[in-house]
Amino acid sequence: IGLPGETVEIKETKVFINGELLDEPYLAVDTLGRYGPYHVPEGHI
């Protein structure tokens, strides 16, 4: 979902990468809960 250096946040049943909505056509359900923001370190995902 998140690549090195990016910020991931889950809110309003959606995932946002660096503040932009992530298109996830592979999902069958919404993402419940609020998580993040997560700042992905370099060399990690």
Full PDB file with SEQRES, HELIX, SHEET, SSBOND, CRYST1, ORIGX, SCALE, CONECT and MASTER records, all heavy atoms in Angstrom:
SEQRES   1 A   45  ILE GLY LEU PRO GLY GLU THR VAL GLU ILE LYS GLU THR          
SEQRES   2 A   45  LYS VAL PHE ILE ASN GLY GLU LEU LEU ASP GLU PRO TYR          
SEQRES   3 A   45  LEU ALA VAL ASP THR LEU GLY ARG TYR GLY PRO TYR HIS          
SEQRES   4 A   45  VAL PRO GLU GLY HIS ILE                                      
SHEET    1 AA1 4 GLU A  20  LEU A  21  0                                        
SHEET    2 AA1 4 LYS A  14  ILE A  17 -1                                        
SHEET    3 AA1 4 THR A   7  LYS A  11 -1                                        
SHEET    4 AA1 4 TYR A  35  HIS A  39 -1                                        
CRYST1    1.000    1.000    1.000  90.00  90.00  90.00 P 1           1          
ORIGX1      1.000000  0.000000  0.000000        0.00000                         
ORIGX2      0.000000  1.000000  0.000000        0.00000                         
ORIGX3      0.000000  0.000000  1.000000        0.00000                         
SCALE1      1.000000  0.000000  0.000000        0.00000                         
SCALE2      0.000000  1.000000  0.000000        0.00000                         
SCALE3      0.000000  0.000000  1.000000        0.00000                         
ATOM      1  N   ILE A   1       0.829  -1.204   0.000  1.00  0.00           N  
ATOM      2  CA  ILE A   1       0.000   0.000   0.000  1.00  0.00           C  
ATOM      3  C   ILE A   1       0.864   1.255   0.000  1.00  0.00           C  
ATOM      4  O   ILE A   1       0.690   2.153  -0.824  1.00  0.00           O  
ATOM      5  CB  ILE A   1      -0.942   0.011   1.226  1.00  0.00           C  
ATOM      6  CG1 ILE A   1      -1.842  -1.223   1.203  1.00  0.00           C  
ATOM      7  CG2 ILE A   1      -1.771   1.299   1.250  1.00  0.00           C  
ATOM      8  CD1 ILE A   1      -2.760  -1.316   0.003  1.00  0.00           C  
ATOM      9  N   GLY A   2       1.782   1.347   0.953  1.00  0.00           N  
ATOM     10  CA  GLY A   2       2.632   2.531   1.051  1.00  0.00           C  
ATOM     11  C   GLY A   2       4.069   2.216   0.692  1.00  0.00           C  
ATOM     12  O   GLY A   2       4.624   1.198   1.113  1.00  0.00           O  
ATOM     13  N   LEU A   3       4.695   3.095  -0.074  1.00  0.00           N  
ATOM     14  CA  LEU A   3       6.083   2.922  -0.508  1.00  0.00           C  
ATOM     15  C   LEU A   3       7.023   3.765   0.355  1.00  0.00           C  
ATOM     16  O   LEU A   3       6.568   4.643   1.103  1.00  0.00           O  
ATOM     17  CB  LEU A   3       6.208   3.308  -1.985  1.00  0.00           C  
ATOM     18  CG  LEU A   3       5.389   2.453  -2.965  1.00  0.00           C  
ATOM     19  CD1 LEU A   3       5.500   3.023  -4.372  1.00  0.00           C  
ATOM     20  CD2 LEU A   3       5.838   1.000  -2.920  1.00  0.00           C  
ATOM     21  N   PRO A   4       8.336   3.525   0.264  1.00  0.00           N  
ATOM     22  CA  PRO A   4       9.292   4.277   1.085  1.00  0.00           C  
ATOM     23  C   PRO A   4       9.123   5.788   0.941  1.00  0.00           C  
ATOM     24  O   PRO A   4       9.004   6.324  -0.166  1.00  0.00           O  
ATOM     25  CB  PRO A   4      10.647   3.820   0.541  1.00  0.00           C  
ATOM     26  CG  PRO A   4      10.392   2.451  -0.001  1.00  0.00           C  
ATOM     27  CD  PRO A   4       9.009   2.496  -0.564  1.00  0.00           C  
ATOM     28  N   GLY A   5       9.084   6.490   2.101  1.00  0.00           N  
ATOM     29  CA  GLY A   5       8.977   7.945   2.101  1.00  0.00           C  
ATOM     30  C   GLY A   5       7.558   8.481   2.037  1.00  0.00           C  
ATOM     31  O   GLY A   5       7.348   9.701   2.179  1.00  0.00           O  
ATOM     32  N   GLU A   6       6.563   7.610   1.828  1.00  0.00           N  
ATOM     33  CA  GLU A   6       5.182   8.080   1.699  1.00  0.00           C  
ATOM     34  C   GLU A   6       4.472   8.137   3.063  1.00  0.00           C  
ATOM     35  O   GLU A   6       4.930   7.539   4.046  1.00  0.00           O  
ATOM     36  CB  GLU A   6       4.391   7.164   0.764  1.00  0.00           C  
ATOM     37  CG  GLU A   6       4.877   7.215  -0.677  1.00  0.00           C  
ATOM     38  CD  GLU A   6       4.053   6.357  -1.603  1.00  0.00           C  
ATOM     39  OE1 GLU A   6       3.421   5.377  -1.126  1.00  0.00           O  
ATOM     40  OE2 GLU A   6       4.046   6.638  -2.815  1.00  0.00           O  
ATOM     41  N   THR A   7       3.350   8.846   3.094  1.00  0.00           N  
ATOM     42  CA  THR A   7       2.500   8.918   4.281  1.00  0.00           C  
ATOM     43  C   THR A   7       1.174   8.231   3.975  1.00  0.00           C  
ATOM     44  O   THR A   7       0.516   8.548   2.976  1.00  0.00           O  
ATOM     45  CB  THR A   7       2.240  10.373   4.700  1.00  0.00           C  
ATOM     46  OG1 THR A   7       3.492  10.987   5.034  1.00  0.00           O  
ATOM     47  CG2 THR A   7       1.316  10.426   5.903  1.00  0.00           C  
ATOM     48  N   VAL A   8       0.824   7.263   4.828  1.00  0.00           N  
ATOM     49  CA  VAL A   8      -0.413   6.490   4.653  1.00  0.00           C  
ATOM     50  C   VAL A   8      -1.380   6.865   5.775  1.00  0.00           C  
ATOM     51  O   VAL A   8      -1.012   6.881   6.957  1.00  0.00           O  
ATOM     52  CB  VAL A   8      -0.131   4.974   4.695  1.00  0.00           C  
ATOM     53  CG1 VAL A   8      -1.427   4.184   4.499  1.00  0.00           C  
ATOM     54  CG2 VAL A   8       0.899   4.584   3.650  1.00  0.00           C  
ATOM     55  N   GLU A   9      -2.631   7.116   5.382  1.00  0.00           N  
ATOM     56  CA  GLU A   9      -3.662   7.405   6.378  1.00  0.00           C  
ATOM     57  C   GLU A   9      -4.964   6.727   5.962  1.00  0.00           C  
ATOM     58  O   GLU A   9      -5.335   6.736   4.784  1.00  0.00           O  
ATOM     59  CB  GLU A   9      -3.866   8.908   6.514  1.00  0.00           C  
ATOM     60  CG  GLU A   9      -4.790   9.274   7.669  1.00  0.00           C  
ATOM     61  CD  GLU A   9      -4.844  10.772   7.925  1.00  0.00           C  
ATOM     62  OE1 GLU A   9      -4.276  11.541   7.108  1.00  0.00           O  
ATOM     63  OE2 GLU A   9      -5.433  11.180   8.938  1.00  0.00           O  
ATOM     64  N   ILE A  10      -5.653   6.122   6.935  1.00  0.00           N  
ATOM     65  CA  ILE A  10      -6.943   5.476   6.692  1.00  0.00           C  
ATOM     66  C   ILE A  10      -8.010   6.269   7.434  1.00  0.00           C  
ATOM     67  O   ILE A  10      -7.947   6.433   8.669  1.00  0.00           O  
ATOM     68  CB  ILE A  10      -6.946   4.007   7.163  1.00  0.00           C  
ATOM     69  CG1 ILE A  10      -5.912   3.181   6.376  1.00  0.00           C  
ATOM     70  CG2 ILE A  10      -8.315   3.393   6.987  1.00  0.00           C  
ATOM     71  CD1 ILE A  10      -4.623   2.992   7.081  1.00  0.00           C  
ATOM     72  N   LYS A  11      -8.997   6.772   6.696  1.00  0.00           N  
ATOM     73  CA  LYS A  11     -10.088   7.538   7.299  1.00  0.00           C  
ATOM     74  C   LYS A  11     -11.280   7.522   6.352  1.00  0.00           C  
ATOM     75  O   LYS A  11     -11.130   7.352   5.133  1.00  0.00           O  
ATOM     76  CB  LYS A  11      -9.651   8.977   7.589  1.00  0.00           C  
ATOM     77  CG  LYS A  11      -9.209   9.764   6.363  1.00  0.00           C  
ATOM     78  CD  LYS A  11      -8.721  11.160   6.732  1.00  0.00           C  
ATOM     79  CE  LYS A  11      -8.291  11.933   5.489  1.00  0.00           C  
ATOM     80  NZ  LYS A  11      -7.809  13.310   5.818  1.00  0.00           N  
ATOM     81  N   GLU A  12     -12.473   7.662   6.923  1.00  0.00           N  
ATOM     82  CA  GLU A  12     -13.706   7.720   6.132  1.00  0.00           C  
ATOM     83  C   GLU A  12     -13.818   6.509   5.207  1.00  0.00           C  
ATOM     84  O   GLU A  12     -14.228   6.628   4.053  1.00  0.00           O  
ATOM     85  CB  GLU A  12     -13.764   9.027   5.328  1.00  0.00           C  
ATOM     86  CG  GLU A  12     -13.708  10.266   6.200  1.00  0.00           C  
ATOM     87  CD  GLU A  12     -13.566  11.552   5.411  1.00  0.00           C  
ATOM     88  OE1 GLU A  12     -13.449  11.469   4.169  1.00  0.00           O  
ATOM     89  OE2 GLU A  12     -13.550  12.620   6.039  1.00  0.00           O  
ATOM     90  N   THR A  13     -13.402   5.326   5.714  1.00  0.00           N  
ATOM     91  CA  THR A  13     -13.441   4.020   5.004  1.00  0.00           C  
ATOM     92  C   THR A  13     -12.525   3.973   3.779  1.00  0.00           C  
ATOM     93  O   THR A  13     -12.634   3.045   2.968  1.00  0.00           O  
ATOM     94  CB  THR A  13     -14.876   3.634   4.570  1.00  0.00           C  
ATOM     95  OG1 THR A  13     -15.293   4.451   3.461  1.00  0.00           O  
ATOM     96  CG2 THR A  13     -15.855   3.756   5.719  1.00  0.00           C  
ATOM     97  N   LYS A  14     -11.617   4.927   3.649  1.00  0.00           N  
ATOM     98  CA  LYS A  14     -10.737   4.956   2.476  1.00  0.00           C  
ATOM     99  C   LYS A  14      -9.277   5.090   2.904  1.00  0.00           C  
ATOM    100  O   LYS A  14      -8.971   5.445   4.045  1.00  0.00           O  
ATOM    101  CB  LYS A  14     -11.099   6.135   1.557  1.00  0.00           C  
ATOM    102  CG  LYS A  14     -12.538   6.121   1.075  1.00  0.00           C  
ATOM    103  CD  LYS A  14     -12.861   4.911   0.219  1.00  0.00           C  
ATOM    104  CE  LYS A  14     -14.320   4.955  -0.241  1.00  0.00           C  
ATOM    105  NZ  LYS A  14     -14.689   3.734  -1.013  1.00  0.00           N  
ATOM    106  N   VAL A  15      -8.381   4.795   1.957  1.00  0.00           N  
ATOM    107  CA  VAL A  15      -6.944   4.915   2.190  1.00  0.00           C  
ATOM    108  C   VAL A  15      -6.419   6.106   1.396  1.00  0.00           C  
ATOM    109  O   VAL A  15      -6.744   6.275   0.203  1.00  0.00           O  
ATOM    110  CB  VAL A  15      -6.207   3.631   1.765  1.00  0.00           C  
ATOM    111  CG1 VAL A  15      -4.686   3.788   1.922  1.00  0.00           C  
ATOM    112  CG2 VAL A  15      -6.690   2.438   2.588  1.00  0.00           C  
ATOM    113  N   PHE A  16      -5.587   6.894   2.045  1.00  0.00           N  
ATOM    114  CA  PHE A  16      -5.007   8.070   1.399  1.00  0.00           C  
ATOM    115  C   PHE A  16      -3.478   7.954   1.428  1.00  0.00           C  
ATOM    116  O   PHE A  16      -2.891   7.635   2.466  1.00  0.00           O  
ATOM    117  CB  PHE A  16      -5.452   9.348   2.106  1.00  0.00           C  
ATOM    118  CG  PHE A  16      -6.928   9.608   1.997  1.00  0.00           C  
ATOM    119  CD1 PHE A  16      -7.823   8.995   2.864  1.00  0.00           C  
ATOM    120  CD2 PHE A  16      -7.409  10.455   1.014  1.00  0.00           C  
ATOM    121  CE1 PHE A  16      -9.192   9.229   2.761  1.00  0.00           C  
ATOM    122  CE2 PHE A  16      -8.781  10.703   0.898  1.00  0.00           C  
ATOM    123  CZ  PHE A  16      -9.674  10.076   1.781  1.00  0.00           C  
ATOM    124  N   ILE A  17      -2.865   8.250   0.302  1.00  0.00           N  
ATOM    125  CA  ILE A  17      -1.406   8.258   0.176  1.00  0.00           C  
ATOM    126  C   ILE A  17      -0.962   9.692  -0.078  1.00  0.00           C  
ATOM    127  O   ILE A  17      -1.358  10.301  -1.083  1.00  0.00           O  
ATOM    128  CB  ILE A  17      -0.927   7.357  -0.979  1.00  0.00           C  
ATOM    129  CG1 ILE A  17      -1.438   5.933  -0.807  1.00  0.00           C  
ATOM    130  CG2 ILE A  17       0.601   7.386  -1.073  1.00  0.00           C  
ATOM    131  CD1 ILE A  17      -0.897   5.194   0.392  1.00  0.00           C  
ATOM    132  N   ASN A  18      -0.183  10.234   0.848  1.00  0.00           N  
ATOM    133  CA  ASN A  18       0.255  11.636   0.755  1.00  0.00           C  
ATOM    134  C   ASN A  18      -0.941  12.568   0.550  1.00  0.00           C  
ATOM    135  O   ASN A  18      -0.879  13.540  -0.213  1.00  0.00           O  
ATOM    136  CB  ASN A  18       1.272  11.815  -0.374  1.00  0.00           C  
ATOM    137  CG  ASN A  18       2.553  11.060  -0.109  1.00  0.00           C  
ATOM    138  OD1 ASN A  18       2.912  10.783   1.037  1.00  0.00           O  
ATOM    139  ND2 ASN A  18       3.258  10.712  -1.171  1.00  0.00           N  
ATOM    140  N   GLY A  19      -2.051  12.230   1.211  1.00  0.00           N  
ATOM    141  CA  GLY A  19      -3.238  13.087   1.151  1.00  0.00           C  
ATOM    142  C   GLY A  19      -4.156  12.806  -0.018  1.00  0.00           C  
ATOM    143  O   GLY A  19      -5.248  13.393  -0.100  1.00  0.00           O  
ATOM    144  N   GLU A  20      -3.776  11.916  -0.940  1.00  0.00           N  
ATOM    145  CA  GLU A  20      -4.612  11.629  -2.104  1.00  0.00           C  
ATOM    146  C   GLU A  20      -5.268  10.253  -1.968  1.00  0.00           C  
ATOM    147  O   GLU A  20      -4.639   9.288  -1.513  1.00  0.00           O  
ATOM    148  CB  GLU A  20      -3.765  11.676  -3.386  1.00  0.00           C  
ATOM    149  CG  GLU A  20      -3.197  13.056  -3.682  1.00  0.00           C  
ATOM    150  CD  GLU A  20      -2.498  13.114  -5.029  1.00  0.00           C  
ATOM    151  OE1 GLU A  20      -2.549  12.099  -5.773  1.00  0.00           O  
ATOM    152  OE2 GLU A  20      -1.891  14.146  -5.345  1.00  0.00           O  
ATOM    153  N   LEU A  21      -6.539  10.184  -2.394  1.00  0.00           N  
ATOM    154  CA  LEU A  21      -7.310   8.950  -2.292  1.00  0.00           C  
ATOM    155  C   LEU A  21      -6.671   7.852  -3.145  1.00  0.00           C  
ATOM    156  O   LEU A  21      -6.329   8.071  -4.315  1.00  0.00           O  
ATOM    157  CB  LEU A  21      -8.744   9.200  -2.756  1.00  0.00           C  
ATOM    158  CG  LEU A  21      -9.677   7.985  -2.764  1.00  0.00           C  
ATOM    159  CD1 LEU A  21      -9.888   7.450  -1.355  1.00  0.00           C  
ATOM    160  CD2 LEU A  21     -11.015   8.361  -3.415  1.00  0.00           C  
ATOM    161  N   LEU A  22      -6.517   6.661  -2.556  1.00  0.00           N  
ATOM    162  CA  LEU A  22      -5.952   5.520  -3.274  1.00  0.00           C  
ATOM    163  C   LEU A  22      -7.069   4.708  -3.901  1.00  0.00           C  
ATOM    164  O   LEU A  22      -8.026   4.305  -3.223  1.00  0.00           O  
ATOM    165  CB  LEU A  22      -5.147   4.643  -2.303  1.00  0.00           C  
ATOM    166  CG  LEU A  22      -4.564   3.359  -2.888  1.00  0.00           C  
ATOM    167  CD1 LEU A  22      -3.528   3.670  -3.974  1.00  0.00           C  
ATOM    168  CD2 LEU A  22      -3.934   2.502  -1.785  1.00  0.00           C  
ATOM    169  N   ASP A  23      -6.987   4.473  -5.191  1.00  0.00           N  
ATOM    170  CA  ASP A  23      -7.954   3.639  -5.899  1.00  0.00           C  
ATOM    171  C   ASP A  23      -7.633   2.168  -5.628  1.00  0.00           C  
ATOM    172  O   ASP A  23      -6.520   1.708  -5.915  1.00  0.00           O  
ATOM    173  CB  ASP A  23      -7.889   3.931  -7.402  1.00  0.00           C  
ATOM    174  CG  ASP A  23      -8.914   3.120  -8.181  1.00  0.00           C  
ATOM    175  OD1 ASP A  23      -9.965   2.751  -7.598  1.00  0.00           O  
ATOM    176  OD2 ASP A  23      -8.663   2.827  -9.357  1.00  0.00           O  
ATOM    177  N   GLU A  24      -8.595   1.422  -5.072  1.00  0.00           N  
ATOM    178  CA  GLU A  24      -8.374   0.023  -4.714  1.00  0.00           C  
ATOM    179  C   GLU A  24      -9.489  -0.869  -5.281  1.00  0.00           C  
ATOM    180  O   GLU A  24     -10.392  -1.304  -4.555  1.00  0.00           O  
ATOM    181  CB  GLU A  24      -8.292  -0.137  -3.202  1.00  0.00           C  
ATOM    182  CG  GLU A  24      -7.140   0.626  -2.566  1.00  0.00           C  
ATOM    183  CD  GLU A  24      -6.981   0.290  -1.099  1.00  0.00           C  
ATOM    184  OE1 GLU A  24      -7.700   0.892  -0.278  1.00  0.00           O  
ATOM    185  OE2 GLU A  24      -6.139  -0.577  -0.777  1.00  0.00           O  
ATOM    186  N   PRO A  25      -9.442  -1.161  -6.571  1.00  0.00           N  
ATOM    187  CA  PRO A  25     -10.508  -1.956  -7.204  1.00  0.00           C  
ATOM    188  C   PRO A  25     -10.552  -3.407  -6.752  1.00  0.00           C  
ATOM    189  O   PRO A  25     -11.537  -4.103  -6.989  1.00  0.00           O  
ATOM    190  CB  PRO A  25     -10.159  -1.859  -8.693  1.00  0.00           C  
ATOM    191  CG  PRO A  25      -8.685  -1.607  -8.726  1.00  0.00           C  
ATOM    192  CD  PRO A  25      -8.404  -0.750  -7.526  1.00  0.00           C  
ATOM    193  N   TYR A  26      -9.507  -3.875  -6.084  1.00  0.00           N  
ATOM    194  CA  TYR A  26      -9.442  -5.262  -5.634  1.00  0.00           C  
ATOM    195  C   TYR A  26     -10.214  -5.504  -4.346  1.00  0.00           C  
ATOM    196  O   TYR A  26     -10.365  -6.644  -3.911  1.00  0.00           O  
ATOM    197  CB  TYR A  26      -7.973  -5.664  -5.427  1.00  0.00           C  
ATOM    198  CG  TYR A  26      -7.126  -4.593  -4.794  1.00  0.00           C  
ATOM    199  CD1 TYR A  26      -7.159  -4.348  -3.421  1.00  0.00           C  
ATOM    200  CD2 TYR A  26      -6.307  -3.786  -5.583  1.00  0.00           C  
ATOM    201  CE1 TYR A  26      -6.403  -3.344  -2.844  1.00  0.00           C  
ATOM    202  CE2 TYR A  26      -5.548  -2.778  -5.019  1.00  0.00           C  
ATOM    203  CZ  TYR A  26      -5.596  -2.559  -3.653  1.00  0.00           C  
ATOM    204  OH  TYR A  26      -4.854  -1.550  -3.077  1.00  0.00           O  
ATOM    205  N   LEU A  27     -10.693  -4.450  -3.681  1.00  0.00           N  
ATOM    206  CA  LEU A  27     -11.392  -4.601  -2.411  1.00  0.00           C  
ATOM    207  C   LEU A  27     -12.863  -4.952  -2.620  1.00  0.00           C  
ATOM    208  O   LEU A  27     -13.505  -4.460  -3.551  1.00  0.00           O  
ATOM    209  CB  LEU A  27     -11.306  -3.313  -1.586  1.00  0.00           C  
ATOM    210  CG  LEU A  27      -9.924  -2.902  -1.063  1.00  0.00           C  
ATOM    211  CD1 LEU A  27     -10.064  -1.639  -0.217  1.00  0.00           C  
ATOM    212  CD2 LEU A  27      -9.285  -4.009  -0.265  1.00  0.00           C  
ATOM    213  N   ALA A  28     -13.387  -5.793  -1.709  1.00  0.00           N  
ATOM    214  CA  ALA A  28     -14.814  -6.125  -1.719  1.00  0.00           C  
ATOM    215  C   ALA A  28     -15.550  -5.411  -0.590  1.00  0.00           C  
ATOM    216  O   ALA A  28     -16.778  -5.423  -0.546  1.00  0.00           O  
ATOM    217  CB  ALA A  28     -15.003  -7.630  -1.601  1.00  0.00           C  
ATOM    218  N   VAL A  29     -14.795  -4.822   0.354  1.00  0.00           N  
ATOM    219  CA  VAL A  29     -15.404  -4.140   1.512  1.00  0.00           C  
ATOM    220  C   VAL A  29     -14.684  -2.812   1.742  1.00  0.00           C  
ATOM    221  O   VAL A  29     -13.560  -2.605   1.279  1.00  0.00           O  
ATOM    222  CB  VAL A  29     -15.313  -5.012   2.788  1.00  0.00           C  
ATOM    223  CG1 VAL A  29     -16.129  -6.279   2.627  1.00  0.00           C  
ATOM    224  CG2 VAL A  29     -13.859  -5.340   3.115  1.00  0.00           C  
ATOM    225  N   ASP A  30     -15.335  -1.929   2.475  1.00  0.00           N  
ATOM    226  CA  ASP A  30     -14.698  -0.679   2.876  1.00  0.00           C  
ATOM    227  C   ASP A  30     -13.696  -0.932   3.995  1.00  0.00           C  
ATOM    228  O   ASP A  30     -13.761  -1.946   4.703  1.00  0.00           O  
ATOM    229  CB  ASP A  30     -15.757   0.324   3.361  1.00  0.00           C  
ATOM    230  CG  ASP A  30     -16.619   0.841   2.226  1.00  0.00           C  
ATOM    231  OD1 ASP A  30     -16.115   0.879   1.087  1.00  0.00           O  
ATOM    232  OD2 ASP A  30     -17.793   1.184   2.487  1.00  0.00           O  
ATOM    233  N   THR A  31     -12.780  -0.008   4.171  1.00  0.00           N  
ATOM    234  CA  THR A  31     -11.790  -0.103   5.239  1.00  0.00           C  
ATOM    235  C   THR A  31     -12.307   0.634   6.459  1.00  0.00           C  
ATOM    236  O   THR A  31     -12.346   1.866   6.488  1.00  0.00           O  
ATOM    237  CB  THR A  31     -10.450   0.498   4.785  1.00  0.00           C  
ATOM    238  OG1 THR A  31     -10.041  -0.136   3.578  1.00  0.00           O  
ATOM    239  CG2 THR A  31      -9.381   0.280   5.841  1.00  0.00           C  
ATOM    240  N   LEU A  32     -12.732  -0.137   7.471  1.00  0.00           N  
ATOM    241  CA  LEU A  32     -13.310   0.475   8.662  1.00  0.00           C  
ATOM    242  C   LEU A  32     -12.224   0.977   9.613  1.00  0.00           C  
ATOM    243  O   LEU A  32     -11.115   0.464   9.645  1.00  0.00           O  
ATOM    244  CB  LEU A  32     -14.197  -0.543   9.385  1.00  0.00           C  
ATOM    245  CG  LEU A  32     -15.371  -1.115   8.569  1.00  0.00           C  
ATOM    246  CD1 LEU A  32     -16.152  -2.103   9.418  1.00  0.00           C  
ATOM    247  CD2 LEU A  32     -16.273  -0.001   8.039  1.00  0.00           C  
ATOM    248  N   GLY A  33     -12.572   1.984  10.395  1.00  0.00           N  
ATOM    249  CA  GLY A  33     -11.644   2.508  11.385  1.00  0.00           C  
ATOM    250  C   GLY A  33     -10.795   3.641  10.854  1.00  0.00           C  
ATOM    251  O   GLY A  33     -10.738   3.903   9.647  1.00  0.00           O  
ATOM    252  N   ARG A  34     -10.120   4.277  11.789  1.00  0.00           N  
ATOM    253  CA  ARG A  34      -9.202   5.359  11.432  1.00  0.00           C  
ATOM    254  C   ARG A  34      -7.808   4.998  11.908  1.00  0.00           C  
ATOM    255  O   ARG A  34      -7.614   4.631  13.077  1.00  0.00           O  
ATOM    256  CB  ARG A  34      -9.658   6.679  12.067  1.00  0.00           C  
ATOM    257  CG  ARG A  34      -8.779   7.866  11.658  1.00  0.00           C  
ATOM    258  CD  ARG A  34      -9.218   9.148  12.333  1.00  0.00           C  
ATOM    259  NE  ARG A  34      -8.338  10.251  11.941  1.00  0.00           N  
ATOM    260  CZ  ARG A  34      -8.569  11.090  10.940  1.00  0.00           C  
ATOM    261  NH1 ARG A  34      -9.682  10.981  10.245  1.00  0.00           N  
ATOM    262  NH2 ARG A  34      -7.707  12.050  10.644  1.00  0.00           N  
ATOM    263  N   TYR A  35      -6.840   5.089  11.006  1.00  0.00           N  
ATOM    264  CA  TYR A  35      -5.469   4.692  11.322  1.00  0.00           C  
ATOM    265  C   TYR A  35      -4.501   5.724  10.729  1.00  0.00           C  
ATOM    266  O   TYR A  35      -4.735   6.279   9.662  1.00  0.00           O  
ATOM    267  CB  TYR A  35      -5.137   3.320  10.737  1.00  0.00           C  
ATOM    268  CG  TYR A  35      -5.989   2.202  11.247  1.00  0.00           C  
ATOM    269  CD1 TYR A  35      -7.171   1.871  10.591  1.00  0.00           C  
ATOM    270  CD2 TYR A  35      -5.631   1.479  12.383  1.00  0.00           C  
ATOM    271  CE1 TYR A  35      -7.979   0.838  11.043  1.00  0.00           C  
ATOM    272  CE2 TYR A  35      -6.434   0.437  12.847  1.00  0.00           C  
ATOM    273  CZ  TYR A  35      -7.606   0.122  12.169  1.00  0.00           C  
ATOM    274  OH  TYR A  35      -8.405  -0.905  12.625  1.00  0.00           O  
ATOM    275  N   GLY A  36      -3.413   5.918  11.433  1.00  0.00           N  
ATOM    276  CA  GLY A  36      -2.371   6.795  10.912  1.00  0.00           C  
ATOM    277  C   GLY A  36      -2.530   8.235  11.366  1.00  0.00           C  
ATOM    278  O   GLY A  36      -3.306   8.527  12.274  1.00  0.00           O  
ATOM    279  N   PRO A  37      -1.790   9.112  10.733  1.00  0.00           N  
ATOM    280  CA  PRO A  37      -0.938   8.842   9.563  1.00  0.00           C  
ATOM    281  C   PRO A  37       0.336   8.053   9.896  1.00  0.00           C  
ATOM    282  O   PRO A  37       0.900   8.203  10.977  1.00  0.00           O  
ATOM    283  CB  PRO A  37      -0.584  10.241   9.059  1.00  0.00           C  
ATOM    284  CG  PRO A  37      -0.703  11.117  10.268  1.00  0.00           C  
ATOM    285  CD  PRO A  37      -1.782  10.530  11.120  1.00  0.00           C  
ATOM    286  N   TYR A  38       0.731   7.188   8.936  1.00  0.00           N  
ATOM    287  CA  TYR A  38       1.966   6.411   9.037  1.00  0.00           C  
ATOM    288  C   TYR A  38       2.977   6.980   8.053  1.00  0.00           C  
ATOM    289  O   TYR A  38       2.680   7.142   6.866  1.00  0.00           O  
ATOM    290  CB  TYR A  38       1.717   4.945   8.679  1.00  0.00           C  
ATOM    291  CG  TYR A  38       0.715   4.240   9.545  1.00  0.00           C  
ATOM    292  CD1 TYR A  38      -0.615   4.121   9.135  1.00  0.00           C  
ATOM    293  CD2 TYR A  38       1.083   3.653  10.751  1.00  0.00           C  
ATOM    294  CE1 TYR A  38      -1.549   3.448   9.916  1.00  0.00           C  
ATOM    295  CE2 TYR A  38       0.165   2.978  11.541  1.00  0.00           C  
ATOM    296  CZ  TYR A  38      -1.155   2.878  11.113  1.00  0.00           C  
ATOM    297  OH  TYR A  38      -2.075   2.210  11.886  1.00  0.00           O  
ATOM    298  N   HIS A  39       4.161   7.282   8.526  1.00  0.00           N  
ATOM    299  CA  HIS A  39       5.225   7.791   7.667  1.00  0.00           C  
ATOM    300  C   HIS A  39       6.187   6.632   7.390  1.00  0.00           C  
ATOM    301  O   HIS A  39       6.941   6.218   8.268  1.00  0.00           O  
ATOM    302  CB  HIS A  39       5.941   8.964   8.337  1.00  0.00           C  
ATOM    303  CG  HIS A  39       5.027  10.093   8.683  1.00  0.00           C  
ATOM    304  ND1 HIS A  39       4.494  10.943   7.728  1.00  0.00           N  
ATOM    305  CD2 HIS A  39       4.521  10.507   9.880  1.00  0.00           C  
ATOM    306  CE1 HIS A  39       3.710  11.824   8.316  1.00  0.00           C  
ATOM    307  NE2 HIS A  39       3.705  11.577   9.621  1.00  0.00           N  
ATOM    308  N   VAL A  40       6.151   6.126   6.171  1.00  0.00           N  
ATOM    309  CA  VAL A  40       6.909   4.921   5.822  1.00  0.00           C  
ATOM    310  C   VAL A  40       8.393   5.256   5.713  1.00  0.00           C  
ATOM    311  O   VAL A  40       8.782   6.122   4.912  1.00  0.00           O  
ATOM    312  CB  VAL A  40       6.411   4.324   4.494  1.00  0.00           C  
ATOM    313  CG1 VAL A  40       7.108   2.991   4.217  1.00  0.00           C  
ATOM    314  CG2 VAL A  40       4.892   4.140   4.524  1.00  0.00           C  
ATOM    315  N   PRO A  41       9.247   4.593   6.498  1.00  0.00           N  
ATOM    316  CA  PRO A  41      10.696   4.884   6.427  1.00  0.00           C  
ATOM    317  C   PRO A  41      11.290   4.437   5.091  1.00  0.00           C  
ATOM    318  O   PRO A  41      10.750   3.573   4.399  1.00  0.00           O  
ATOM    319  CB  PRO A  41      11.273   4.047   7.580  1.00  0.00           C  
ATOM    320  CG  PRO A  41      10.112   3.646   8.432  1.00  0.00           C  
ATOM    321  CD  PRO A  41       8.938   3.570   7.515  1.00  0.00           C  
ATOM    322  N   GLU A  42      12.416   5.025   4.768  1.00  0.00           N  
ATOM    323  CA  GLU A  42      13.152   4.585   3.576  1.00  0.00           C  
ATOM    324  C   GLU A  42      13.544   3.113   3.747  1.00  0.00           C  
ATOM    325  O   GLU A  42      13.894   2.674   4.840  1.00  0.00           O  
ATOM    326  CB  GLU A  42      14.399   5.439   3.372  1.00  0.00           C  
ATOM    327  CG  GLU A  42      14.091   6.873   2.954  1.00  0.00           C  
ATOM    328  CD  GLU A  42      13.375   6.957   1.614  1.00  0.00           C  
ATOM    329  OE1 GLU A  42      13.625   6.094   0.738  1.00  0.00           O  
ATOM    330  OE2 GLU A  42      12.560   7.885   1.441  1.00  0.00           O  
ATOM    331  N   GLY A  43      13.491   2.381   2.654  1.00  0.00           N  
ATOM    332  CA  GLY A  43      13.855   0.968   2.695  1.00  0.00           C  
ATOM    333  C   GLY A  43      12.765   0.070   3.241  1.00  0.00           C  
ATOM    334  O   GLY A  43      13.003  -1.118   3.493  1.00  0.00           O  
ATOM    335  N   HIS A  44      11.546   0.618   3.425  1.00  0.00           N  
ATOM    336  CA  HIS A  44      10.435  -0.146   3.981  1.00  0.00           C  
ATOM    337  C   HIS A  44       9.158   0.081   3.167  1.00  0.00           C  
ATOM    338  O   HIS A  44       9.078   1.007   2.351  1.00  0.00           O  
ATOM    339  CB  HIS A  44      10.181   0.245   5.430  1.00  0.00           C  
ATOM    340  CG  HIS A  44      11.296  -0.095   6.356  1.00  0.00           C  
ATOM    341  ND1 HIS A  44      12.482   0.617   6.382  1.00  0.00           N  
ATOM    342  CD2 HIS A  44      11.421  -1.084   7.288  1.00  0.00           C  
ATOM    343  CE1 HIS A  44      13.284   0.096   7.298  1.00  0.00           C  
ATOM    344  NE2 HIS A  44      12.672  -0.937   7.852  1.00  0.00           N  
ATOM    345  N   ILE A  45       8.157  -0.766   3.409  1.00  0.00           N  
ATOM    346  CA  ILE A  45       6.845  -0.609   2.791  1.00  0.00           C  
ATOM    347  C   ILE A  45       5.765  -0.798   3.857  1.00  0.00           C  
ATOM    348  O   ILE A  45       6.010  -1.382   4.918  1.00  0.00           O  
ATOM    349  CB  ILE A  45       6.614  -1.608   1.636  1.00  0.00           C  
ATOM    350  CG1 ILE A  45       6.830  -3.050   2.116  1.00  0.00           C  
ATOM    351  CG2 ILE A  45       7.501  -1.270   0.439  1.00  0.00           C  
ATOM    352  CD1 ILE A  45       6.466  -4.105   1.075  1.00  0.00           C  
TER     353      ILE A  45                                                      
MASTER        0    0    0    0    4    0    0    6  352    1    0    4          
END                                                                             
